[in-house]
Amino acid sequence: MNKDNLAARRAALIEQCAEQRVGLAFELNALRPSKVMAGLPLAGYVAANRKLALGAAGAALGLVLMRRKRLAGVATSALSAWKMARGALGILAQLRR
């Protein structure tokens, strides 16, 4: 084989590899989850904060499946704990001054 033929073949192979690299990069970019959910703001937020969303969904499901009488007890004790925590934080804020 002569040098001109080999050079032409090498140039063709380099061009083919460049086209394949561009195609592969485009396909990989399309497969990324952040790109798929970019148009959906809520889905993008859920994907970014997956642990928080799963925790909230689990808590909501637990509340739905809980009996009403028991739910009232949990709600009153949670409200009491919330009030106690707010009071404690207020006392801590006064002590820091």
N, C-alpha and C. Protein backbone atom coordinates (compact mmCIF):
# COMPACT_ATOMS: atom_id res chain seq x y z
N MET A 1 0.85 -1.18 0.00
CA MET A 1 0.00 0.00 0.00
C MET A 1 0.89 1.24 0.00
N ASN A 2 0.41 2.24 -0.70
CA ASN A 2 1.21 3.46 -0.76
C ASN A 2 0.81 4.44 0.34
N LYS A 3 1.62 5.48 0.53
CA LYS A 3 1.41 6.43 1.62
C LYS A 3 0.13 7.24 1.44
N ASP A 4 -0.22 7.58 0.21
CA ASP A 4 -1.43 8.37 -0.03
C ASP A 4 -2.68 7.59 0.37
N ASN A 5 -2.70 6.31 0.03
CA ASN A 5 -3.84 5.46 0.36
C ASN A 5 -3.98 5.31 1.88
N LEU A 6 -2.86 5.10 2.57
CA LEU A 6 -2.89 4.96 4.03
C LEU A 6 -3.30 6.26 4.70
N ALA A 7 -2.85 7.38 4.20
CA ALA A 7 -3.20 8.68 4.79
C ALA A 7 -4.69 8.95 4.62
N ALA A 8 -5.23 8.61 3.44
CA ALA A 8 -6.66 8.81 3.20
C ALA A 8 -7.49 7.91 4.12
N ARG A 9 -7.04 6.68 4.29
CA ARG A 9 -7.76 5.76 5.18
C ARG A 9 -7.69 6.24 6.63
N ARG A 10 -6.53 6.73 7.06
CA ARG A 10 -6.37 7.24 8.42
C ARG A 10 -7.28 8.45 8.65
N ALA A 11 -7.37 9.34 7.68
CA ALA A 11 -8.24 10.53 7.81
C ALA A 11 -9.70 10.11 7.91
N ALA A 12 -10.09 9.12 7.11
CA ALA A 12 -11.47 8.63 7.16
C ALA A 12 -11.78 8.00 8.51
N LEU A 13 -10.84 7.23 9.06
CA LEU A 13 -11.06 6.61 10.37
C LEU A 13 -11.13 7.66 11.48
N ILE A 14 -10.31 8.69 11.40
CA ILE A 14 -10.35 9.76 12.40
C ILE A 14 -11.69 10.47 12.34
N GLU A 15 -12.19 10.73 11.15
CA GLU A 15 -13.50 11.38 10.99
C GLU A 15 -14.62 10.49 11.53
N GLN A 16 -14.56 9.20 11.26
CA GLN A 16 -15.58 8.27 11.75
C GLN A 16 -15.56 8.20 13.28
N CYS A 17 -14.37 8.17 13.87
CA CYS A 17 -14.27 8.14 15.34
C CYS A 17 -14.84 9.42 15.95
N ALA A 18 -14.59 10.56 15.33
CA ALA A 18 -15.11 11.82 15.84
C ALA A 18 -16.64 11.83 15.80
N GLU A 19 -17.21 11.31 14.73
CA GLU A 19 -18.67 11.23 14.63
C GLU A 19 -19.25 10.30 15.70
N GLN A 20 -18.58 9.18 15.92
CA GLN A 20 -19.05 8.25 16.95
C GLN A 20 -18.95 8.87 18.34
N ARG A 21 -17.87 9.63 18.62
CA ARG A 21 -17.73 10.29 19.91
C ARG A 21 -18.84 11.31 20.15
N VAL A 22 -19.18 12.07 19.12
CA VAL A 22 -20.25 13.06 19.24
C VAL A 22 -21.58 12.37 19.49
N GLY A 23 -21.86 11.31 18.75
CA GLY A 23 -23.11 10.57 18.94
C GLY A 23 -23.21 9.95 20.33
N LEU A 24 -22.12 9.37 20.80
CA LEU A 24 -22.10 8.76 22.12
C LEU A 24 -22.30 9.81 23.22
N ALA A 25 -21.65 10.95 23.08
CA ALA A 25 -21.81 12.02 24.07
C ALA A 25 -23.25 12.50 24.11
N PHE A 26 -23.87 12.63 22.95
CA PHE A 26 -25.27 13.07 22.89
C PHE A 26 -26.19 12.05 23.57
N GLU A 27 -25.97 10.76 23.30
CA GLU A 27 -26.80 9.73 23.91
C GLU A 27 -26.60 9.64 25.42
N LEU A 28 -25.37 9.75 25.89
CA LEU A 28 -25.11 9.71 27.33
C LEU A 28 -25.73 10.92 28.03
N ASN A 29 -25.67 12.07 27.40
CA ASN A 29 -26.27 13.27 27.97
C ASN A 29 -27.78 13.14 28.06
N ALA A 30 -28.39 12.48 27.10
CA ALA A 30 -29.84 12.29 27.12
C ALA A 30 -30.27 11.29 28.18
N LEU A 31 -29.40 10.37 28.55
CA LEU A 31 -29.74 9.35 29.54
C LEU A 31 -29.60 9.83 30.98
N ARG A 32 -28.95 10.94 31.22
CA ARG A 32 -28.77 11.43 32.59
C ARG A 32 -30.11 11.84 33.18
N PRO A 33 -30.39 11.45 34.42
CA PRO A 33 -31.69 11.77 35.04
C PRO A 33 -31.93 13.26 35.18
N SER A 34 -30.89 14.04 35.43
CA SER A 34 -31.09 15.47 35.59
C SER A 34 -31.56 16.10 34.29
N LYS A 35 -31.14 15.57 33.18
CA LYS A 35 -31.58 16.11 31.89
C LYS A 35 -33.01 15.69 31.57
N VAL A 36 -33.39 14.48 31.99
CA VAL A 36 -34.73 13.99 31.71
C VAL A 36 -35.76 14.81 32.49
N MET A 37 -35.42 15.17 33.73
CA MET A 37 -36.36 15.88 34.59
C MET A 37 -36.17 17.39 34.58
N ALA A 38 -35.36 17.91 33.68
CA ALA A 38 -35.08 19.34 33.67
C ALA A 38 -36.33 20.15 33.36
N GLY A 39 -37.22 19.63 32.54
CA GLY A 39 -38.43 20.36 32.18
C GLY A 39 -39.50 20.32 33.25
N LEU A 40 -39.38 19.43 34.21
CA LEU A 40 -40.37 19.29 35.26
C LEU A 40 -39.79 19.80 36.57
N PRO A 41 -40.20 20.99 37.02
CA PRO A 41 -39.58 21.54 38.23
C PRO A 41 -39.81 20.70 39.49
N LEU A 42 -41.00 20.15 39.65
CA LEU A 42 -41.28 19.35 40.83
C LEU A 42 -40.47 18.05 40.80
N ALA A 43 -40.41 17.42 39.66
CA ALA A 43 -39.65 16.17 39.54
C ALA A 43 -38.17 16.44 39.75
N GLY A 44 -37.67 17.56 39.29
CA GLY A 44 -36.28 17.91 39.51
C GLY A 44 -35.98 18.13 40.99
N TYR A 45 -36.91 18.76 41.70
CA TYR A 45 -36.73 18.98 43.14
C TYR A 45 -36.75 17.66 43.89
N VAL A 46 -37.66 16.78 43.52
CA VAL A 46 -37.76 15.48 44.19
C VAL A 46 -36.49 14.67 43.92
N ALA A 47 -35.98 14.73 42.71
CA ALA A 47 -34.76 13.98 42.40
C ALA A 47 -33.57 14.54 43.17
N ALA A 48 -33.53 15.85 43.36
CA ALA A 48 -32.42 16.45 44.09
C ALA A 48 -32.51 16.17 45.59
N ASN A 49 -33.72 16.09 46.12
CA ASN A 49 -33.93 15.87 47.56
C ASN A 49 -34.66 14.56 47.79
N ARG A 50 -34.08 13.49 47.31
CA ARG A 50 -34.73 12.19 47.34
C ARG A 50 -35.01 11.70 48.75
N LYS A 51 -34.07 11.87 49.67
CA LYS A 51 -34.27 11.37 51.04
C LYS A 51 -35.40 12.11 51.73
N LEU A 52 -35.44 13.42 51.55
CA LEU A 52 -36.50 14.22 52.16
C LEU A 52 -37.87 13.83 51.60
N ALA A 53 -37.95 13.65 50.29
CA ALA A 53 -39.22 13.29 49.66
C ALA A 53 -39.68 11.91 50.12
N LEU A 54 -38.76 10.95 50.20
CA LEU A 54 -39.14 9.61 50.65
C LEU A 54 -39.56 9.62 52.12
N GLY A 55 -38.90 10.41 52.93
CA GLY A 55 -39.29 10.52 54.34
C GLY A 55 -40.67 11.11 54.50
N ALA A 56 -40.95 12.17 53.74
CA ALA A 56 -42.27 12.80 53.81
C ALA A 56 -43.35 11.85 53.30
N ALA A 57 -43.06 11.11 52.24
CA ALA A 57 -44.04 10.17 51.70
C ALA A 57 -44.29 9.03 52.69
N GLY A 58 -43.24 8.56 53.35
CA GLY A 58 -43.41 7.51 54.34
C GLY A 58 -44.22 7.98 55.54
N ALA A 59 -43.96 9.22 55.98
CA ALA A 59 -44.73 9.76 57.10
C ALA A 59 -46.19 9.94 56.73
N ALA A 60 -46.44 10.43 55.53
CA ALA A 60 -47.83 10.61 55.08
C ALA A 60 -48.54 9.26 54.97
N LEU A 61 -47.85 8.26 54.44
CA LEU A 61 -48.46 6.93 54.34
C LEU A 61 -48.74 6.35 55.72
N GLY A 62 -47.83 6.55 56.65
CA GLY A 62 -48.05 6.08 58.02
C GLY A 62 -49.25 6.74 58.66
N LEU A 63 -49.41 8.04 58.42
CA LEU A 63 -50.57 8.75 58.97
C LEU A 63 -51.87 8.28 58.35
N VAL A 64 -51.83 7.97 57.07
CA VAL A 64 -53.04 7.49 56.39
C VAL A 64 -53.45 6.12 56.92
N LEU A 65 -52.49 5.28 57.18
CA LEU A 65 -52.80 3.92 57.62
C LEU A 65 -53.10 3.82 59.12
N MET A 66 -52.79 4.86 59.86
CA MET A 66 -53.01 4.83 61.31
C MET A 66 -54.49 5.03 61.62
N ARG A 67 -54.94 4.45 62.70
CA ARG A 67 -56.34 4.62 63.10
C ARG A 67 -56.56 6.02 63.62
N ARG A 68 -57.80 6.51 63.52
CA ARG A 68 -58.12 7.89 63.88
C ARG A 68 -57.86 8.18 65.36
N LYS A 69 -58.26 7.27 66.23
CA LYS A 69 -58.09 7.50 67.66
C LYS A 69 -56.60 7.61 68.00
N ARG A 70 -55.84 6.74 67.43
CA ARG A 70 -54.40 6.74 67.68
C ARG A 70 -53.75 7.97 67.05
N LEU A 71 -54.25 8.39 65.89
CA LEU A 71 -53.73 9.57 65.21
C LEU A 71 -53.93 10.81 66.07
N ALA A 72 -55.07 10.92 66.73
CA ALA A 72 -55.34 12.07 67.59
C ALA A 72 -54.34 12.11 68.74
N GLY A 73 -54.03 10.97 69.31
CA GLY A 73 -53.04 10.90 70.39
C GLY A 73 -51.66 11.30 69.93
N VAL A 74 -51.28 10.83 68.76
CA VAL A 74 -49.97 11.18 68.21
C VAL A 74 -49.91 12.68 67.92
N ALA A 75 -50.98 13.22 67.36
CA ALA A 75 -51.00 14.65 67.02
C ALA A 75 -50.90 15.51 68.27
N THR A 76 -51.61 15.16 69.33
CA THR A 76 -51.55 15.97 70.55
C THR A 76 -50.18 15.86 71.21
N SER A 77 -49.57 14.69 71.21
CA SER A 77 -48.24 14.58 71.81
C SER A 77 -47.19 15.29 70.95
N ALA A 78 -47.35 15.27 69.64
CA ALA A 78 -46.42 15.99 68.77
C ALA A 78 -46.55 17.49 68.98
N LEU A 79 -47.78 17.98 69.12
CA LEU A 79 -47.99 19.40 69.37
C LEU A 79 -47.40 19.80 70.73
N SER A 80 -47.56 18.96 71.73
CA SER A 80 -47.00 19.23 73.04
C SER A 80 -45.47 19.27 72.98
N ALA A 81 -44.87 18.34 72.26
CA ALA A 81 -43.42 18.32 72.12
C ALA A 81 -42.93 19.56 71.37
N TRP A 82 -43.68 19.98 70.38
CA TRP A 82 -43.34 21.19 69.61
C TRP A 82 -43.36 22.42 70.52
N LYS A 83 -44.39 22.55 71.33
CA LYS A 83 -44.49 23.69 72.25
C LYS A 83 -43.35 23.67 73.26
N MET A 84 -43.02 22.49 73.77
CA MET A 84 -41.94 22.37 74.73
C MET A 84 -40.60 22.75 74.09
N ALA A 85 -40.38 22.32 72.86
CA ALA A 85 -39.13 22.64 72.16
C ALA A 85 -39.03 24.14 71.91
N ARG A 86 -40.13 24.76 71.51
CA ARG A 86 -40.11 26.21 71.29
C ARG A 86 -39.79 26.96 72.58
N GLY A 87 -40.37 26.51 73.69
CA GLY A 87 -40.08 27.13 74.98
C GLY A 87 -38.62 26.96 75.36
N ALA A 88 -38.09 25.77 75.15
CA ALA A 88 -36.68 25.53 75.47
C ALA A 88 -35.76 26.38 74.61
N LEU A 89 -36.09 26.53 73.35
CA LEU A 89 -35.27 27.37 72.47
C LEU A 89 -35.34 28.82 72.89
N GLY A 90 -36.51 29.26 73.37
CA GLY A 90 -36.65 30.63 73.86
C GLY A 90 -35.78 30.87 75.08
N ILE A 91 -35.76 29.90 76.00
CA ILE A 91 -34.94 30.02 77.20
C ILE A 91 -33.45 30.04 76.82
N LEU A 92 -33.06 29.18 75.88
CA LEU A 92 -31.66 29.16 75.43
C LEU A 92 -31.27 30.49 74.78
N ALA A 93 -32.19 31.08 74.03
CA ALA A 93 -31.89 32.37 73.39
C ALA A 93 -31.70 33.45 74.43
N GLN A 94 -32.49 33.42 75.52
CA GLN A 94 -32.33 34.40 76.58
C GLN A 94 -31.03 34.20 77.34
N LEU A 95 -30.62 32.96 77.53
CA LEU A 95 -29.39 32.68 78.25
C LEU A 95 -28.16 33.10 77.44
N ARG A 96 -28.24 33.07 76.13
CA ARG A 96 -27.10 33.46 75.28
C ARG A 96 -26.85 34.96 75.31
N ARG A 97 -27.86 35.74 75.64
CA ARG A 97 -27.71 37.20 75.64
C ARG A 97 -26.89 37.64 76.75
